[in-house]
Amino acid sequence: MIILILTIFAFIVNFFFGVLRADTRSFSLKWFLYIHIPVFILIPIRLRMDVSNWYIPYFIVISFSGQYLGVLWGRHKKGAYD
């Protein structure tokens, strides 16, 4: 159950930052921060909930998916795909 909660939380946090990242120039400071701030949010939560290190690759995939879909959503809302 803890893994499911962390998965949903990690996806939502990264989705939000992906939407923000959609409006920034690639490789700018904001772009860099929008990618890495969720990491610093999720690591202490994972450690506090005592989740094994074996789940790190899984959470990387979930985080990447959230960022990617967030960027797509942000560009869609901005009208970049019209």
PDB file of N, CA and C in Angstrom:
ATOM      1  N   MET A   1       0.824  -1.193   0.000  1.00  0.00           N
ATOM      2  CA  MET A   1       0.000   0.000   0.000  1.00  0.00           C
ATOM      3  C   MET A   1       0.870   1.259   0.000  1.00  0.00           C
ATOM      4  N   ILE A   2       1.989   1.219   0.725  1.00  0.00           N
ATOM      5  CA  ILE A   2       2.883   2.378   0.780  1.00  0.00           C
ATOM      6  C   ILE A   2       3.464   2.658  -0.605  1.00  0.00           C
ATOM      7  N   ILE A   3       3.793   1.606  -1.345  1.00  0.00           N
ATOM      8  CA  ILE A   3       4.360   1.777  -2.677  1.00  0.00           C
ATOM      9  C   ILE A   3       3.337   2.430  -3.603  1.00  0.00           C
ATOM     10  N   LEU A   4       2.091   2.033  -3.505  1.00  0.00           N
ATOM     11  CA  LEU A   4       1.040   2.628  -4.332  1.00  0.00           C
ATOM     12  C   LEU A   4       0.880   4.113  -4.025  1.00  0.00           C
ATOM     13  N   ILE A   5       0.864   4.458  -2.759  1.00  0.00           N
ATOM     14  CA  ILE A   5       0.730   5.864  -2.365  1.00  0.00           C
ATOM     15  C   ILE A   5       1.918   6.677  -2.860  1.00  0.00           C
ATOM     16  N   LEU A   6       3.118   6.151  -2.682  1.00  0.00           N
ATOM     17  CA  LEU A   6       4.315   6.850  -3.165  1.00  0.00           C
ATOM     18  C   LEU A   6       4.332   6.956  -4.684  1.00  0.00           C
ATOM     19  N   THR A   7       3.855   5.942  -5.372  1.00  0.00           N
ATOM     20  CA  THR A   7       3.798   5.983  -6.828  1.00  0.00           C
ATOM     21  C   THR A   7       2.881   7.095  -7.305  1.00  0.00           C
ATOM     22  N   ILE A   8       1.703   7.177  -6.735  1.00  0.00           N
ATOM     23  CA  ILE A   8       0.743   8.216  -7.116  1.00  0.00           C
ATOM     24  C   ILE A   8       1.294   9.594  -6.774  1.00  0.00           C
ATOM     25  N   PHE A   9       1.863   9.739  -5.591  1.00  0.00           N
ATOM     26  CA  PHE A   9       2.427  11.025  -5.178  1.00  0.00           C
ATOM     27  C   PHE A   9       3.579  11.439  -6.086  1.00  0.00           C
ATOM     28  N   ALA A  10       4.487  10.503  -6.391  1.00  0.00           N
ATOM     29  CA  ALA A  10       5.630  10.805  -7.264  1.00  0.00           C
ATOM     30  C   ALA A  10       5.157  11.211  -8.655  1.00  0.00           C
ATOM     31  N   PHE A  11       4.158  10.520  -9.168  1.00  0.00           N
ATOM     32  CA  PHE A  11       3.645  10.860 -10.495  1.00  0.00           C
ATOM     33  C   PHE A  11       3.017  12.248 -10.500  1.00  0.00           C
ATOM     34  N   ILE A  12       2.192  12.547  -9.503  1.00  0.00           N
ATOM     35  CA  ILE A  12       1.510  13.845  -9.456  1.00  0.00           C
ATOM     36  C   ILE A  12       2.505  14.987  -9.298  1.00  0.00           C
ATOM     37  N   VAL A  13       3.473  14.834  -8.418  1.00  0.00           N
ATOM     38  CA  VAL A  13       4.479  15.887  -8.216  1.00  0.00           C
ATOM     39  C   VAL A  13       5.256  16.122  -9.506  1.00  0.00           C
ATOM     40  N   ASN A  14       5.688  15.056 -10.156  1.00  0.00           N
ATOM     41  CA  ASN A  14       6.452  15.209 -11.388  1.00  0.00           C
ATOM     42  C   ASN A  14       5.586  15.709 -12.535  1.00  0.00           C
ATOM     43  N   PHE A  15       4.325  15.336 -12.563  1.00  0.00           N
ATOM     44  CA  PHE A  15       3.409  15.860 -13.576  1.00  0.00           C
ATOM     45  C   PHE A  15       3.284  17.374 -13.447  1.00  0.00           C
ATOM     46  N   PHE A  16       3.100  17.847 -12.217  1.00  0.00           N
ATOM     47  CA  PHE A  16       2.994  19.285 -11.957  1.00  0.00           C
ATOM     48  C   PHE A  16       4.249  20.029 -12.426  1.00  0.00           C
ATOM     49  N   PHE A  17       5.415  19.518 -12.065  1.00  0.00           N
ATOM     50  CA  PHE A  17       6.653  20.167 -12.479  1.00  0.00           C
ATOM     51  C   PHE A  17       6.893  20.021 -13.989  1.00  0.00           C
ATOM     52  N   GLY A  18       6.380  18.964 -14.592  1.00  0.00           N
ATOM     53  CA  GLY A  18       6.456  18.829 -16.047  1.00  0.00           C
ATOM     54  C   GLY A  18       5.624  19.874 -16.752  1.00  0.00           C
ATOM     55  N   VAL A  19       4.447  20.171 -16.210  1.00  0.00           N
ATOM     56  CA  VAL A  19       3.606  21.230 -16.782  1.00  0.00           C
ATOM     57  C   VAL A  19       4.323  22.572 -16.684  1.00  0.00           C
ATOM     58  N   LEU A  20       4.948  22.842 -15.561  1.00  0.00           N
ATOM     59  CA  LEU A  20       5.712  24.080 -15.418  1.00  0.00           C
ATOM     60  C   LEU A  20       6.886  24.116 -16.394  1.00  0.00           C
ATOM     61  N   ARG A  21       7.521  22.982 -16.580  1.00  0.00           N
ATOM     62  CA  ARG A  21       8.695  22.898 -17.444  1.00  0.00           C
ATOM     63  C   ARG A  21       8.345  23.093 -18.912  1.00  0.00           C
ATOM     64  N   ALA A  22       7.089  22.884 -19.290  1.00  0.00           N
ATOM     65  CA  ALA A  22       6.683  23.022 -20.689  1.00  0.00           C
ATOM     66  C   ALA A  22       6.877  24.439 -21.210  1.00  0.00           C
ATOM     67  N   ASP A  23       6.828  25.426 -20.335  1.00  0.00           N
ATOM     68  CA  ASP A  23       6.938  26.824 -20.752  1.00  0.00           C
ATOM     69  C   ASP A  23       8.350  27.380 -20.655  1.00  0.00           C
ATOM     70  N   THR A  24       9.316  26.565 -20.298  1.00  0.00           N
ATOM     71  CA  THR A  24      10.669  27.080 -20.108  1.00  0.00           C
ATOM     72  C   THR A  24      11.568  26.679 -21.267  1.00  0.00           C
ATOM     73  N   ARG A  25      12.617  27.437 -21.436  1.00  0.00           N
ATOM     74  CA  ARG A  25      13.614  27.139 -22.467  1.00  0.00           C
ATOM     75  C   ARG A  25      14.459  25.961 -21.998  1.00  0.00           C
ATOM     76  N   SER A  26      14.759  25.059 -22.905  1.00  0.00           N
ATOM     77  CA  SER A  26      15.558  23.879 -22.555  1.00  0.00           C
ATOM     78  C   SER A  26      16.929  24.268 -22.024  1.00  0.00           C
ATOM     79  N   PHE A  27      17.355  23.556 -21.013  1.00  0.00           N
ATOM     80  CA  PHE A  27      18.662  23.700 -20.381  1.00  0.00           C
ATOM     81  C   PHE A  27      18.853  25.044 -19.679  1.00  0.00           C
ATOM     82  N   SER A  28      17.757  25.731 -19.378  1.00  0.00           N
ATOM     83  CA  SER A  28      17.857  26.950 -18.571  1.00  0.00           C
ATOM     84  C   SER A  28      17.854  26.566 -17.092  1.00  0.00           C
ATOM     85  N   LEU A  29      18.054  27.541 -16.237  1.00  0.00           N
ATOM     86  CA  LEU A  29      18.063  27.269 -14.798  1.00  0.00           C
ATOM     87  C   LEU A  29      16.700  26.764 -14.327  1.00  0.00           C
ATOM     88  N   LYS A  30      15.620  27.397 -14.781  1.00  0.00           N
ATOM     89  CA  LYS A  30      14.280  26.940 -14.391  1.00  0.00           C
ATOM     90  C   LYS A  30      14.034  25.508 -14.856  1.00  0.00           C
ATOM     91  N   TRP A  31      14.434  25.218 -16.072  1.00  0.00           N
ATOM     92  CA  TRP A  31      14.259  23.883 -16.622  1.00  0.00           C
ATOM     93  C   TRP A  31      14.974  22.859 -15.743  1.00  0.00           C
ATOM     94  N   PHE A  32      16.204  23.167 -15.369  1.00  0.00           N
ATOM     95  CA  PHE A  32      16.999  22.298 -14.507  1.00  0.00           C
ATOM     96  C   PHE A  32      16.325  22.117 -13.142  1.00  0.00           C
ATOM     97  N   LEU A  33      15.834  23.205 -12.571  1.00  0.00           N
ATOM     98  CA  LEU A  33      15.189  23.126 -11.259  1.00  0.00           C
ATOM     99  C   LEU A  33      13.883  22.346 -11.317  1.00  0.00           C
ATOM    100  N   TYR A  34      13.099  22.540 -12.372  1.00  0.00           N
ATOM    101  CA  TYR A  34      11.827  21.816 -12.491  1.00  0.00           C
ATOM    102  C   TYR A  34      12.037  20.308 -12.627  1.00  0.00           C
ATOM    103  N   ILE A  35      13.179  19.902 -13.100  1.00  0.00           N
ATOM    104  CA  ILE A  35      13.474  18.477 -13.185  1.00  0.00           C
ATOM    105  C   ILE A  35      13.958  17.936 -11.839  1.00  0.00           C
ATOM    106  N   HIS A  36      14.755  18.728 -11.112  1.00  0.00           N
ATOM    107  CA  HIS A  36      15.428  18.202  -9.923  1.00  0.00           C
ATOM    108  C   HIS A  36      14.737  18.502  -8.593  1.00  0.00           C
ATOM    109  N   ILE A  37      13.888  19.484  -8.519  1.00  0.00           N
ATOM    110  CA  ILE A  37      13.181  19.766  -7.259  1.00  0.00           C
ATOM    111  C   ILE A  37      12.329  18.581  -6.806  1.00  0.00           C
ATOM    112  N   PRO A  38      11.586  17.904  -7.714  1.00  0.00           N
ATOM    113  CA  PRO A  38      10.820  16.743  -7.242  1.00  0.00           C
ATOM    114  C   PRO A  38      11.688  15.650  -6.618  1.00  0.00           C
ATOM    115  N   VAL A  39      12.919  15.522  -7.074  1.00  0.00           N
ATOM    116  CA  VAL A  39      13.817  14.519  -6.492  1.00  0.00           C
ATOM    117  C   VAL A  39      14.055  14.830  -5.027  1.00  0.00           C
ATOM    118  N   PHE A  40      14.286  16.106  -4.728  1.00  0.00           N
ATOM    119  CA  PHE A  40      14.542  16.503  -3.347  1.00  0.00           C
ATOM    120  C   PHE A  40      13.281  16.496  -2.489  1.00  0.00           C
ATOM    121  N   ILE A  41      12.128  16.436  -3.125  1.00  0.00           N
ATOM    122  CA  ILE A  41      10.872  16.272  -2.381  1.00  0.00           C
ATOM    123  C   ILE A  41      10.640  14.794  -2.075  1.00  0.00           C
ATOM    124  N   LEU A  42      10.905  13.943  -3.046  1.00  0.00           N
ATOM    125  CA  LEU A  42      10.548  12.533  -2.929  1.00  0.00           C
ATOM    126  C   LEU A  42      11.551  11.687  -2.135  1.00  0.00           C
ATOM    127  N   ILE A  43      12.817  12.018  -2.193  1.00  0.00           N
ATOM    128  CA  ILE A  43      13.817  11.207  -1.473  1.00  0.00           C
ATOM    129  C   ILE A  43      13.562  11.188   0.036  1.00  0.00           C
ATOM    130  N   PRO A  44      13.361  12.333   0.692  1.00  0.00           N
ATOM    131  CA  PRO A  44      13.107  12.254   2.145  1.00  0.00           C
ATOM    132  C   PRO A  44      11.824  11.495   2.485  1.00  0.00           C
ATOM    133  N   ILE A  45      10.816  11.611   1.629  1.00  0.00           N
ATOM    134  CA  ILE A  45       9.569  10.881   1.891  1.00  0.00           C
ATOM    135  C   ILE A  45       9.805   9.381   1.769  1.00  0.00           C
ATOM    136  N   ARG A  46      10.541   8.976   0.723  1.00  0.00           N
ATOM    137  CA  ARG A  46      10.850   7.555   0.550  1.00  0.00           C
ATOM    138  C   ARG A  46      11.659   7.019   1.718  1.00  0.00           C
ATOM    139  N   LEU A  47      12.628   7.798   2.182  1.00  0.00           N
ATOM    140  CA  LEU A  47      13.443   7.358   3.317  1.00  0.00           C
ATOM    141  C   LEU A  47      12.627   7.309   4.605  1.00  0.00           C
ATOM    142  N   ARG A  48      11.755   8.294   4.777  1.00  0.00           N
ATOM    143  CA  ARG A  48      10.927   8.351   5.994  1.00  0.00           C
ATOM    144  C   ARG A  48       9.958   7.176   6.062  1.00  0.00           C
ATOM    145  N   MET A  49       9.459   6.754   4.898  1.00  0.00           N
ATOM    146  CA  MET A  49       8.518   5.632   4.851  1.00  0.00           C
ATOM    147  C   MET A  49       9.240   4.286   4.801  1.00  0.00           C
ATOM    148  N   ASP A  50      10.581   4.328   4.851  1.00  0.00           N
ATOM    149  CA  ASP A  50      11.404   3.125   4.909  1.00  0.00           C
ATOM    150  C   ASP A  50      11.152   2.189   3.724  1.00  0.00           C
ATOM    151  N   VAL A  51      11.151   2.773   2.528  1.00  0.00           N
ATOM    152  CA  VAL A  51      10.992   1.994   1.303  1.00  0.00           C
ATOM    153  C   VAL A  51      12.384   1.555   0.846  1.00  0.00           C
ATOM    154  N   SER A  52      12.492   0.316   0.439  1.00  0.00           N
ATOM    155  CA  SER A  52      13.770  -0.275   0.059  1.00  0.00           C
ATOM    156  C   SER A  52      14.398   0.443  -1.143  1.00  0.00           C
ATOM    157  N   ASN A  53      15.719   0.390  -1.202  1.00  0.00           N
ATOM    158  CA  ASN A  53      16.438   0.975  -2.336  1.00  0.00           C
ATOM    159  C   ASN A  53      16.166   0.238  -3.643  1.00  0.00           C
ATOM    160  N   TRP A  54      15.632  -0.955  -3.573  1.00  0.00           N
ATOM    161  CA  TRP A  54      15.310  -1.713  -4.774  1.00  0.00           C
ATOM    162  C   TRP A  54      14.220  -1.035  -5.598  1.00  0.00           C
ATOM    163  N   TYR A  55      13.453  -0.150  -5.003  1.00  0.00           N
ATOM    164  CA  TYR A  55      12.380   0.544  -5.706  1.00  0.00           C
ATOM    165  C   TYR A  55      12.848   1.810  -6.423  1.00  0.00           C
ATOM    166  N   ILE A  56      14.101   2.194  -6.261  1.00  0.00           N
ATOM    167  CA  ILE A  56      14.590   3.431  -6.874  1.00  0.00           C
ATOM    168  C   ILE A  56      14.428   3.414  -8.402  1.00  0.00           C
ATOM    169  N   PRO A  57      14.818   2.356  -9.120  1.00  0.00           N
ATOM    170  CA  PRO A  57      14.597   2.371 -10.579  1.00  0.00           C
ATOM    171  C   PRO A  57      13.120   2.518 -10.954  1.00  0.00           C
ATOM    172  N   TYR A  58      12.261   1.889 -10.175  1.00  0.00           N
ATOM    173  CA  TYR A  58      10.822   2.008 -10.409  1.00  0.00           C
ATOM    174  C   TYR A  58      10.366   3.460 -10.261  1.00  0.00           C
ATOM    175  N   PHE A  59      10.816   4.138  -9.212  1.00  0.00           N
ATOM    176  CA  PHE A  59      10.414   5.520  -9.007  1.00  0.00           C
ATOM    177  C   PHE A  59      11.043   6.459 -10.042  1.00  0.00           C
ATOM    178  N   ILE A  60      12.192   6.110 -10.571  1.00  0.00           N
ATOM    179  CA  ILE A  60      12.774   6.904 -11.658  1.00  0.00           C
ATOM    180  C   ILE A  60      11.879   6.826 -12.887  1.00  0.00           C
ATOM    181  N   VAL A  61      11.393   5.641 -13.194  1.00  0.00           N
ATOM    182  CA  VAL A  61      10.492   5.476 -14.344  1.00  0.00           C
ATOM    183  C   VAL A  61       9.190   6.242 -14.119  1.00  0.00           C
ATOM    184  N   ILE A  62       8.638   6.158 -12.919  1.00  0.00           N
ATOM    185  CA  ILE A  62       7.403   6.882 -12.604  1.00  0.00           C
ATOM    186  C   ILE A  62       7.632   8.387 -12.708  1.00  0.00           C
ATOM    187  N   SER A  63       8.764   8.862 -12.212  1.00  0.00           N
ATOM    188  CA  SER A  63       9.072  10.293 -12.264  1.00  0.00           C
ATOM    189  C   SER A  63       9.253  10.760 -13.703  1.00  0.00           C
ATOM    190  N   PHE A  64       9.959   9.973 -14.501  1.00  0.00           N
ATOM    191  CA  PHE A  64      10.141  10.320 -15.903  1.00  0.00           C
ATOM    192  C   PHE A  64       8.796  10.379 -16.617  1.00  0.00           C
ATOM    193  N   SER A  65       7.935   9.409 -16.345  1.00  0.00           N
ATOM    194  CA  SER A  65       6.605   9.381 -16.971  1.00  0.00           C
ATOM    195  C   SER A  65       5.788  10.608 -16.590  1.00  0.00           C
ATOM    196  N   GLY A  66       5.821  10.970 -15.319  1.00  0.00           N
ATOM    197  CA  GLY A  66       5.091  12.156 -14.871  1.00  0.00           C
ATOM    198  C   GLY A  66       5.610  13.422 -15.528  1.00  0.00           C
ATOM    199  N   GLN A  67       6.935  13.565 -15.613  1.00  0.00           N
ATOM    200  CA  GLN A  67       7.525  14.736 -16.265  1.00  0.00           C
ATOM    201  C   GLN A  67       7.124  14.778 -17.738  1.00  0.00           C
ATOM    202  N   TYR A  68       7.244  13.656 -18.417  1.00  0.00           N
ATOM    203  CA  TYR A  68       6.955  13.608 -19.846  1.00  0.00           C
ATOM    204  C   TYR A  68       5.493  13.942 -20.135  1.00  0.00           C
ATOM    205  N   LEU A  69       4.590  13.297 -19.419  1.00  0.00           N
ATOM    206  CA  LEU A  69       3.169  13.574 -19.635  1.00  0.00           C
ATOM    207  C   LEU A  69       2.799  14.987 -19.207  1.00  0.00           C
ATOM    208  N   GLY A  70       3.463  15.508 -18.183  1.00  0.00           N
ATOM    209  CA  GLY A  70       3.230  16.886 -17.762  1.00  0.00           C
ATOM    210  C   GLY A  70       3.651  17.880 -18.820  1.00  0.00           C
ATOM    211  N   VAL A  71       4.783  17.633 -19.465  1.00  0.00           N
ATOM    212  CA  VAL A  71       5.229  18.513 -20.557  1.00  0.00           C
ATOM    213  C   VAL A  71       4.243  18.445 -21.714  1.00  0.00           C
ATOM    214  N   LEU A  72       3.791  17.245 -22.064  1.00  0.00           N
ATOM    215  CA  LEU A  72       2.815  17.126 -23.147  1.00  0.00           C
ATOM    216  C   LEU A  72       1.529  17.868 -22.813  1.00  0.00           C
ATOM    217  N   TRP A  73       1.063  17.718 -21.581  1.00  0.00           N
ATOM    218  CA  TRP A  73      -0.157  18.403 -21.146  1.00  0.00           C
ATOM    219  C   TRP A  73       0.043  19.926 -21.168  1.00  0.00           C
ATOM    220  N   GLY A  74       1.176  20.390 -20.659  1.00  0.00           N
ATOM    221  CA  GLY A  74       1.451  21.819 -20.626  1.00  0.00           C
ATOM    222  C   GLY A  74       1.525  22.424 -22.014  1.00  0.00           C
ATOM    223  N   ARG A  75       2.139  21.714 -22.943  1.00  0.00           N
ATOM    224  CA  ARG A  75       2.211  22.214 -24.320  1.00  0.00           C
ATOM    225  C   ARG A  75       0.850  22.183 -24.982  1.00  0.00           C
ATOM    226  N   HIS A  76       0.059  21.172 -24.663  1.00  0.00           N
ATOM    227  CA  HIS A  76      -1.295  21.093 -25.210  1.00  0.00           C
ATOM    228  C   HIS A  76      -2.157  22.250 -24.702  1.00  0.00           C
ATOM    229  N   LYS A  77      -2.075  22.522 -23.392  1.00  0.00           N
ATOM    230  CA  LYS A  77      -2.843  23.621 -22.814  1.00  0.00           C
ATOM    231  C   LYS A  77      -2.380  24.972 -23.356  1.00  0.00           C
ATOM    232  N   LYS A  78      -1.097  25.074 -23.650  1.00  0.00           N
ATOM    233  CA  LYS A  78      -0.536  26.304 -24.203  1.00  0.00           C
ATOM    234  C   LYS A  78      -0.929  26.500 -25.654  1.00  0.00           C
ATOM    235  N   GLY A  79      -1.301  25.424 -26.320  1.00  0.00           N
ATOM    236  CA  GLY A  79      -1.694  25.498 -27.711  1.00  0.00           C
ATOM    237  C   GLY A  79      -0.581  25.196 -28.677  1.00  0.00           C
ATOM    238  N   ALA A  80       0.473  24.581 -28.203  1.00  0.00           N
ATOM    239  CA  ALA A  80       1.616  24.285 -29.073  1.00  0.00           C
ATOM    240  C   ALA A  80       1.300  23.164 -30.053  1.00  0.00           C
ATOM    241  N   TYR A  81       0.265  22.370 -29.789  1.00  0.00           N
ATOM    242  CA  TYR A  81      -0.059  21.254 -30.688  1.00  0.00           C
ATOM    243  C   TYR A  81      -1.319  21.492 -31.499  1.00  0.00           C
ATOM    244  N   ASP A  82      -1.784  22.717 -31.553  1.00  0.00           N
ATOM    245  CA  ASP A  82      -3.001  23.006 -32.344  1.00  0.00           C
ATOM    246  C   ASP A  82      -2.695  23.142 -33.808  1.00  0.00           C
TER     247      ASP A  82
END
